[in-house]
Amino acid sequence: MEDAVIVTTQMLPKQARALHASIRAQYLISLNEHWYADEYRYVPQGARHESILKKFPAMAAQVSLLAALTASLKALNQL
């Protein structure tokens, strides 16, 4: 990834689980909102998710953050 921004932080597992749950909930609400929007009606379901993420960079960032939180929590057997 060119010119990637790297974010490093430390938090308690309880905080990480809470953040994970919060971001996941926000992401699912946004995805549901865009998934059924007229703009994506004719985009095949297999390509719809990627199309949405390309248009909404905050959602793509949420996916990356969720993946990082999931990996860190699994490493600690906290998820």
PDB file of N, CA and C in Angstrom:
ATOM      1  N   MET A   1       0.849  -1.164   0.000  1.00  0.00           N
ATOM      2  CA  MET A   1       0.000   0.000   0.000  1.00  0.00           C
ATOM      3  C   MET A   1       0.897   1.231   0.000  1.00  0.00           C
ATOM      4  N   GLU A   2       0.818   2.021  -1.019  1.00  0.00           N
ATOM      5  CA  GLU A   2       1.639   3.223  -1.124  1.00  0.00           C
ATOM      6  C   GLU A   2       1.186   4.279  -0.123  1.00  0.00           C
ATOM      7  N   ASP A   3       2.138   4.988   0.424  1.00  0.00           N
ATOM      8  CA  ASP A   3       1.847   6.091   1.332  1.00  0.00           C
ATOM      9  C   ASP A   3       0.857   5.711   2.417  1.00  0.00           C
ATOM     10  N   ALA A   4       0.994   4.521   2.955  1.00  0.00           N
ATOM     11  CA  ALA A   4       0.089   4.059   4.000  1.00  0.00           C
ATOM     12  C   ALA A   4       0.352   4.809   5.298  1.00  0.00           C
ATOM     13  N   VAL A   5      -0.713   5.074   6.021  1.00  0.00           N
ATOM     14  CA  VAL A   5      -0.618   5.665   7.344  1.00  0.00           C
ATOM     15  C   VAL A   5      -0.633   4.510   8.337  1.00  0.00           C
ATOM     16  N   ILE A   6       0.335   4.495   9.230  1.00  0.00           N
ATOM     17  CA  ILE A   6       0.431   3.431  10.234  1.00  0.00           C
ATOM     18  C   ILE A   6       0.055   4.027  11.572  1.00  0.00           C
ATOM     19  N   VAL A   7      -0.901   3.389  12.225  1.00  0.00           N
ATOM     20  CA  VAL A   7      -1.366   3.852  13.531  1.00  0.00           C
ATOM     21  C   VAL A   7      -1.042   2.768  14.547  1.00  0.00           C
ATOM     22  N   THR A   8      -0.347   3.137  15.598  1.00  0.00           N
ATOM     23  CA  THR A   8      -0.003   2.196  16.655  1.00  0.00           C
ATOM     24  C   THR A   8      -0.576   2.729  17.956  1.00  0.00           C
ATOM     25  N   THR A   9      -1.217   1.858  18.706  1.00  0.00           N
ATOM     26  CA  THR A   9      -1.786   2.268  19.988  1.00  0.00           C
ATOM     27  C   THR A   9      -1.806   1.089  20.940  1.00  0.00           C
ATOM     28  N   GLN A  10      -1.986   1.381  22.192  1.00  0.00           N
ATOM     29  CA  GLN A  10      -2.136   0.344  23.199  1.00  0.00           C
ATOM     30  C   GLN A  10      -3.410   0.634  23.980  1.00  0.00           C
ATOM     31  N   MET A  11      -4.143  -0.420  24.284  1.00  0.00           N
ATOM     32  CA  MET A  11      -5.341  -0.282  25.101  1.00  0.00           C
ATOM     33  C   MET A  11      -5.597  -1.590  25.810  1.00  0.00           C
ATOM     34  N   LEU A  12      -6.401  -1.530  26.825  1.00  0.00           N
ATOM     35  CA  LEU A  12      -6.772  -2.732  27.551  1.00  0.00           C
ATOM     36  C   LEU A  12      -7.669  -3.601  26.675  1.00  0.00           C
ATOM     37  N   PRO A  13      -7.624  -4.919  26.872  1.00  0.00           N
ATOM     38  CA  PRO A  13      -8.492  -5.796  26.081  1.00  0.00           C
ATOM     39  C   PRO A  13      -9.974  -5.399  26.160  1.00  0.00           C
ATOM     40  N   LYS A  14     -10.409  -4.970  27.336  1.00  0.00           N
ATOM     41  CA  LYS A  14     -11.808  -4.538  27.497  1.00  0.00           C
ATOM     42  C   LYS A  14     -12.108  -3.346  26.580  1.00  0.00           C
ATOM     43  N   GLN A  15     -11.183  -2.412  26.495  1.00  0.00           N
ATOM     44  CA  GLN A  15     -11.345  -1.252  25.619  1.00  0.00           C
ATOM     45  C   GLN A  15     -11.335  -1.677  24.152  1.00  0.00           C
ATOM     46  N   ALA A  16     -10.446  -2.585  23.816  1.00  0.00           N
ATOM     47  CA  ALA A  16     -10.347  -3.056  22.433  1.00  0.00           C
ATOM     48  C   ALA A  16     -11.622  -3.777  22.014  1.00  0.00           C
ATOM     49  N   ARG A  17     -12.172  -4.607  22.911  1.00  0.00           N
ATOM     50  CA  ARG A  17     -13.431  -5.304  22.596  1.00  0.00           C
ATOM     51  C   ARG A  17     -14.571  -4.310  22.417  1.00  0.00           C
ATOM     52  N   ALA A  18     -14.613  -3.296  23.271  1.00  0.00           N
ATOM     53  CA  ALA A  18     -15.662  -2.276  23.169  1.00  0.00           C
ATOM     54  C   ALA A  18     -15.520  -1.484  21.869  1.00  0.00           C
ATOM     55  N   LEU A  19     -14.291  -1.128  21.530  1.00  0.00           N
ATOM     56  CA  LEU A  19     -14.052  -0.392  20.280  1.00  0.00           C
ATOM     57  C   LEU A  19     -14.420  -1.257  19.080  1.00  0.00           C
ATOM     58  N   HIS A  20     -14.042  -2.516  19.119  1.00  0.00           N
ATOM     59  CA  HIS A  20     -14.363  -3.453  18.047  1.00  0.00           C
ATOM     60  C   HIS A  20     -15.880  -3.532  17.855  1.00  0.00           C
ATOM     61  N   ALA A  21     -16.609  -3.686  18.942  1.00  0.00           N
ATOM     62  CA  ALA A  21     -18.073  -3.790  18.866  1.00  0.00           C
ATOM     63  C   ALA A  21     -18.687  -2.505  18.322  1.00  0.00           C
ATOM     64  N   SER A  22     -18.178  -1.371  18.753  1.00  0.00           N
ATOM     65  CA  SER A  22     -18.703  -0.086  18.305  1.00  0.00           C
ATOM     66  C   SER A  22     -18.462   0.139  16.814  1.00  0.00           C
ATOM     67  N   ILE A  23     -17.243  -0.094  16.381  1.00  0.00           N
ATOM     68  CA  ILE A  23     -16.907   0.106  14.962  1.00  0.00           C
ATOM     69  C   ILE A  23     -17.676  -0.880  14.094  1.00  0.00           C
ATOM     70  N   ARG A  24     -17.788  -2.106  14.555  1.00  0.00           N
ATOM     71  CA  ARG A  24     -18.530  -3.127  13.799  1.00  0.00           C
ATOM     72  C   ARG A  24     -19.991  -2.719  13.638  1.00  0.00           C
ATOM     73  N   ALA A  25     -20.603  -2.215  14.698  1.00  0.00           N
ATOM     74  CA  ALA A  25     -21.999  -1.785  14.628  1.00  0.00           C
ATOM     75  C   ALA A  25     -22.162  -0.617  13.651  1.00  0.00           C
ATOM     76  N   GLN A  26     -21.273   0.358  13.741  1.00  0.00           N
ATOM     77  CA  GLN A  26     -21.328   1.507  12.830  1.00  0.00           C
ATOM     78  C   GLN A  26     -21.146   1.056  11.383  1.00  0.00           C
ATOM     79  N   TYR A  27     -20.195   0.153  11.181  1.00  0.00           N
ATOM     80  CA  TYR A  27     -19.914  -0.335   9.838  1.00  0.00           C
ATOM     81  C   TYR A  27     -21.124  -1.067   9.251  1.00  0.00           C
ATOM     82  N   LEU A  28     -21.734  -1.928  10.042  1.00  0.00           N
ATOM     83  CA  LEU A  28     -22.883  -2.690   9.546  1.00  0.00           C
ATOM     84  C   LEU A  28     -24.060  -1.791   9.216  1.00  0.00           C
ATOM     85  N   ILE A  29     -24.272  -0.745  10.001  1.00  0.00           N
ATOM     86  CA  ILE A  29     -25.340   0.215   9.698  1.00  0.00           C
ATOM     87  C   ILE A  29     -25.062   0.910   8.372  1.00  0.00           C
ATOM     88  N   SER A  30     -23.841   1.366   8.191  1.00  0.00           N
ATOM     89  CA  SER A  30     -23.466   2.051   6.941  1.00  0.00           C
ATOM     90  C   SER A  30     -23.563   1.112   5.746  1.00  0.00           C
ATOM     91  N   LEU A  31     -23.069  -0.105   5.914  1.00  0.00           N
ATOM     92  CA  LEU A  31     -23.113  -1.060   4.808  1.00  0.00           C
ATOM     93  C   LEU A  31     -24.552  -1.352   4.403  1.00  0.00           C
ATOM     94  N   ASN A  32     -25.409  -1.559   5.368  1.00  0.00           N
ATOM     95  CA  ASN A  32     -26.813  -1.840   5.082  1.00  0.00           C
ATOM     96  C   ASN A  32     -27.466  -0.659   4.362  1.00  0.00           C
ATOM     97  N   GLU A  33     -27.135   0.538   4.798  1.00  0.00           N
ATOM     98  CA  GLU A  33     -27.685   1.746   4.177  1.00  0.00           C
ATOM     99  C   GLU A  33     -27.285   1.846   2.702  1.00  0.00           C
ATOM    100  N   HIS A  34     -26.015   1.600   2.420  1.00  0.00           N
ATOM    101  CA  HIS A  34     -25.527   1.734   1.046  1.00  0.00           C
ATOM    102  C   HIS A  34     -25.876   0.521   0.190  1.00  0.00           C
ATOM    103  N   TRP A  35     -25.915  -0.652   0.785  1.00  0.00           N
ATOM    104  CA  TRP A  35     -26.162  -1.892   0.043  1.00  0.00           C
ATOM    105  C   TRP A  35     -27.466  -1.817  -0.746  1.00  0.00           C
ATOM    106  N   TYR A  36     -28.480  -1.247  -0.126  1.00  0.00           N
ATOM    107  CA  TYR A  36     -29.806  -1.198  -0.749  1.00  0.00           C
ATOM    108  C   TYR A  36     -30.098   0.129  -1.441  1.00  0.00           C
ATOM    109  N   ALA A  37     -29.114   1.005  -1.535  1.00  0.00           N
ATOM    110  CA  ALA A  37     -29.299   2.286  -2.203  1.00  0.00           C
ATOM    111  C   ALA A  37     -29.470   2.074  -3.700  1.00  0.00           C
ATOM    112  N   ASP A  38     -30.238   2.946  -4.331  1.00  0.00           N
ATOM    113  CA  ASP A  38     -30.468   2.850  -5.777  1.00  0.00           C
ATOM    114  C   ASP A  38     -29.174   2.841  -6.574  1.00  0.00           C
ATOM    115  N   GLU A  39     -28.178   3.547  -6.074  1.00  0.00           N
ATOM    116  CA  GLU A  39     -26.886   3.645  -6.768  1.00  0.00           C
ATOM    117  C   GLU A  39     -26.249   2.278  -7.004  1.00  0.00           C
ATOM    118  N   TYR A  40     -26.498   1.331  -6.106  1.00  0.00           N
ATOM    119  CA  TYR A  40     -25.857   0.015  -6.202  1.00  0.00           C
ATOM    120  C   TYR A  40     -26.828  -1.083  -6.631  1.00  0.00           C
ATOM    121  N   ARG A  41     -28.015  -0.703  -7.004  1.00  0.00           N
ATOM    122  CA  ARG A  41     -29.037  -1.680  -7.368  1.00  0.00           C
ATOM    123  C   ARG A  41     -28.584  -2.621  -8.483  1.00  0.00           C
ATOM    124  N   TYR A  42     -27.873  -2.087  -9.471  1.00  0.00           N
ATOM    125  CA  TYR A  42     -27.480  -2.896 -10.626  1.00  0.00           C
ATOM    126  C   TYR A  42     -26.037  -3.391 -10.552  1.00  0.00           C
ATOM    127  N   VAL A  43     -25.384  -3.153  -9.424  1.00  0.00           N
ATOM    128  CA  VAL A  43     -24.037  -3.688  -9.222  1.00  0.00           C
ATOM    129  C   VAL A  43     -24.204  -5.116  -8.717  1.00  0.00           C
ATOM    130  N   PRO A  44     -23.582  -6.090  -9.365  1.00  0.00           N
ATOM    131  CA  PRO A  44     -23.723  -7.485  -8.910  1.00  0.00           C
ATOM    132  C   PRO A  44     -23.309  -7.625  -7.449  1.00  0.00           C
ATOM    133  N   GLN A  45     -24.001  -8.490  -6.723  1.00  0.00           N
ATOM    134  CA  GLN A  45     -23.732  -8.639  -5.295  1.00  0.00           C
ATOM    135  C   GLN A  45     -22.277  -8.977  -5.007  1.00  0.00           C
ATOM    136  N   GLY A  46     -21.641  -9.721  -5.883  1.00  0.00           N
ATOM    137  CA  GLY A  46     -20.239 -10.083  -5.677  1.00  0.00           C
ATOM    138  C   GLY A  46     -19.294  -8.894  -5.747  1.00  0.00           C
ATOM    139  N   ALA A  47     -19.709  -7.826  -6.409  1.00  0.00           N
ATOM    140  CA  ALA A  47     -18.863  -6.644  -6.564  1.00  0.00           C
ATOM    141  C   ALA A  47     -19.372  -5.449  -5.749  1.00  0.00           C
ATOM    142  N   ARG A  48     -20.537  -5.590  -5.165  1.00  0.00           N
ATOM    143  CA  ARG A  48     -21.172  -4.453  -4.485  1.00  0.00           C
ATOM    144  C   ARG A  48     -20.361  -3.971  -3.274  1.00  0.00           C
ATOM    145  N   HIS A  49     -19.893  -4.895  -2.463  1.00  0.00           N
ATOM    146  CA  HIS A  49     -19.146  -4.513  -1.263  1.00  0.00           C
ATOM    147  C   HIS A  49     -17.910  -3.705  -1.629  1.00  0.00           C
ATOM    148  N   GLU A  50     -17.142  -4.201  -2.583  1.00  0.00           N
ATOM    149  CA  GLU A  50     -15.925  -3.495  -3.011  1.00  0.00           C
ATOM    150  C   GLU A  50     -16.265  -2.128  -3.611  1.00  0.00           C
ATOM    151  N   SER A  51     -17.358  -2.038  -4.355  1.00  0.00           N
ATOM    152  CA  SER A  51     -17.774  -0.757  -4.932  1.00  0.00           C
ATOM    153  C   SER A  51     -18.101   0.254  -3.846  1.00  0.00           C
ATOM    154  N   ILE A  52     -18.765  -0.201  -2.811  1.00  0.00           N
ATOM    155  CA  ILE A  52     -19.113   0.681  -1.699  1.00  0.00           C
ATOM    156  C   ILE A  52     -17.843   1.148  -0.992  1.00  0.00           C
ATOM    157  N   LEU A  53     -16.925   0.229  -0.728  1.00  0.00           N
ATOM    158  CA  LEU A  53     -15.692   0.600  -0.028  1.00  0.00           C
ATOM    159  C   LEU A  53     -14.845   1.578  -0.843  1.00  0.00           C
ATOM    160  N   LYS A  54     -14.866   1.451  -2.165  1.00  0.00           N
ATOM    161  CA  LYS A  54     -14.111   2.388  -3.013  1.00  0.00           C
ATOM    162  C   LYS A  54     -14.674   3.793  -2.913  1.00  0.00           C
ATOM    163  N   LYS A  55     -15.982   3.904  -2.775  1.00  0.00           N
ATOM    164  CA  LYS A  55     -16.617   5.218  -2.733  1.00  0.00           C
ATOM    165  C   LYS A  55     -16.580   5.838  -1.335  1.00  0.00           C
ATOM    166  N   PHE A  56     -16.518   5.007  -0.296  1.00  0.00           N
ATOM    167  CA  PHE A  56     -16.572   5.502   1.076  1.00  0.00           C
ATOM    168  C   PHE A  56     -15.305   5.080   1.833  1.00  0.00           C
ATOM    169  N   PRO A  57     -14.260   5.907   1.774  1.00  0.00           N
ATOM    170  CA  PRO A  57     -12.985   5.532   2.383  1.00  0.00           C
ATOM    171  C   PRO A  57     -13.057   5.339   3.894  1.00  0.00           C
ATOM    172  N   ALA A  58     -13.970   5.994   4.572  1.00  0.00           N
ATOM    173  CA  ALA A  58     -14.093   5.788   6.023  1.00  0.00           C
ATOM    174  C   ALA A  58     -14.520   4.358   6.320  1.00  0.00           C
ATOM    175  N   MET A  59     -15.375   3.810   5.484  1.00  0.00           N
ATOM    176  CA  MET A  59     -15.797   2.417   5.671  1.00  0.00           C
ATOM    177  C   MET A  59     -14.644   1.467   5.403  1.00  0.00           C
ATOM    178  N   ALA A  60     -13.835   1.755   4.397  1.00  0.00           N
ATOM    179  CA  ALA A  60     -12.668   0.921   4.118  1.00  0.00           C
ATOM    180  C   ALA A  60     -11.695   0.971   5.298  1.00  0.00           C
ATOM    181  N   ALA A  61     -11.564   2.144   5.918  1.00  0.00           N
ATOM    182  CA  ALA A  61     -10.700   2.267   7.088  1.00  0.00           C
ATOM    183  C   ALA A  61     -11.265   1.468   8.261  1.00  0.00           C
ATOM    184  N   GLN A  62     -12.583   1.454   8.392  1.00  0.00           N
ATOM    185  CA  GLN A  62     -13.206   0.662   9.451  1.00  0.00           C
ATOM    186  C   GLN A  62     -12.899  -0.825   9.266  1.00  0.00           C
ATOM    187  N   VAL A  63     -12.925  -1.289   8.036  1.00  0.00           N
ATOM    188  CA  VAL A  63     -12.611  -2.696   7.763  1.00  0.00           C
ATOM    189  C   VAL A  63     -11.175  -3.006   8.195  1.00  0.00           C
ATOM    190  N   SER A  64     -10.250  -2.125   7.867  1.00  0.00           N
ATOM    191  CA  SER A  64      -8.846  -2.331   8.253  1.00  0.00           C
ATOM    192  C   SER A  64      -8.676  -2.326   9.767  1.00  0.00           C
ATOM    193  N   LEU A  65      -9.348  -1.396  10.426  1.00  0.00           N
ATOM    194  CA  LEU A  65      -9.244  -1.315  11.878  1.00  0.00           C
ATOM    195  C   LEU A  65      -9.883  -2.529  12.545  1.00  0.00           C
ATOM    196  N   LEU A  66     -11.011  -2.982  12.025  1.00  0.00           N
ATOM    197  CA  LEU A  66     -11.641  -4.189  12.560  1.00  0.00           C
ATOM    198  C   LEU A  66     -10.725  -5.398  12.415  1.00  0.00           C
ATOM    199  N   ALA A  67     -10.065  -5.510  11.283  1.00  0.00           N
ATOM    200  CA  ALA A  67      -9.151  -6.631  11.070  1.00  0.00           C
ATOM    201  C   ALA A  67      -7.986  -6.579  12.056  1.00  0.00           C
ATOM    202  N   ALA A  68      -7.437  -5.396  12.280  1.00  0.00           N
ATOM    203  CA  ALA A  68      -6.324  -5.255  13.213  1.00  0.00           C
ATOM    204  C   ALA A  68      -6.758  -5.554  14.646  1.00  0.00           C
ATOM    205  N   LEU A  69      -7.910  -5.049  15.039  1.00  0.00           N
ATOM    206  CA  LEU A  69      -8.421  -5.324  16.384  1.00  0.00           C
ATOM    207  C   LEU A  69      -8.712  -6.808  16.564  1.00  0.00           C
ATOM    208  N   THR A  70      -9.307  -7.426  15.556  1.00  0.00           N
ATOM    209  CA  THR A  70      -9.620  -8.841  15.625  1.00  0.00           C
ATOM    210  C   THR A  70      -8.342  -9.670  15.790  1.00  0.00           C
ATOM    211  N   ALA A  71      -7.333  -9.374  14.997  1.00  0.00           N
ATOM    212  CA  ALA A  71      -6.072 -10.114  15.079  1.00  0.00           C
ATOM    213  C   ALA A  71      -5.417  -9.941  16.451  1.00  0.00           C
ATOM    214  N   SER A  72      -5.413  -8.718  16.955  1.00  0.00           N
ATOM    215  CA  SER A  72      -4.792  -8.467  18.265  1.00  0.00           C
ATOM    216  C   SER A  72      -5.549  -9.159  19.389  1.00  0.00           C
ATOM    217  N   LEU A  73      -6.871  -9.108  19.339  1.00  0.00           N
ATOM    218  CA  LEU A  73      -7.671  -9.752  20.385  1.00  0.00           C
ATOM    219  C   LEU A  73      -7.571 -11.271  20.321  1.00  0.00           C
ATOM    220  N   LYS A  74      -7.521 -11.806  19.113  1.00  0.00           N
ATOM    221  CA  LYS A  74      -7.372 -13.271  18.980  1.00  0.00           C
ATOM    222  C   LYS A  74      -6.011 -13.724  19.503  1.00  0.00           C
ATOM    223  N   ALA A  75      -4.993 -12.913  19.289  1.00  0.00           N
ATOM    224  CA  ALA A  75      -3.661 -13.246  19.774  1.00  0.00           C
ATOM    225  C   ALA A  75      -3.636 -13.341  21.298  1.00  0.00           C
ATOM    226  N   LEU A  76      -4.506 -12.586  21.946  1.00  0.00           N
ATOM    227  CA  LEU A  76      -4.611 -12.607  23.400  1.00  0.00           C
ATOM    228  C   LEU A  76      -5.717 -13.532  23.903  1.00  0.00           C
ATOM    229  N   ASN A  77      -6.336 -14.263  22.969  1.00  0.00           N
ATOM    230  CA  ASN A  77      -7.496 -15.111  23.298  1.00  0.00           C
ATOM    231  C   ASN A  77      -8.585 -14.313  23.997  1.00  0.00           C
ATOM    232  N   GLN A  78      -8.826 -13.097  23.493  1.00  0.00           N
ATOM    233  CA  GLN A  78      -9.820 -12.210  24.087  1.00  0.00           C
ATOM    234  C   GLN A  78     -11.036 -12.006  23.182  1.00  0.00           C
ATOM    235  N   LEU A  79     -11.082 -12.687  22.069  1.00  0.00           N
ATOM    236  CA  LEU A  79     -12.219 -12.537  21.151  1.00  0.00           C
ATOM    237  C   LEU A  79     -12.735 -13.897  20.758  1.00  0.00           C
TER     238      LEU A  79
END
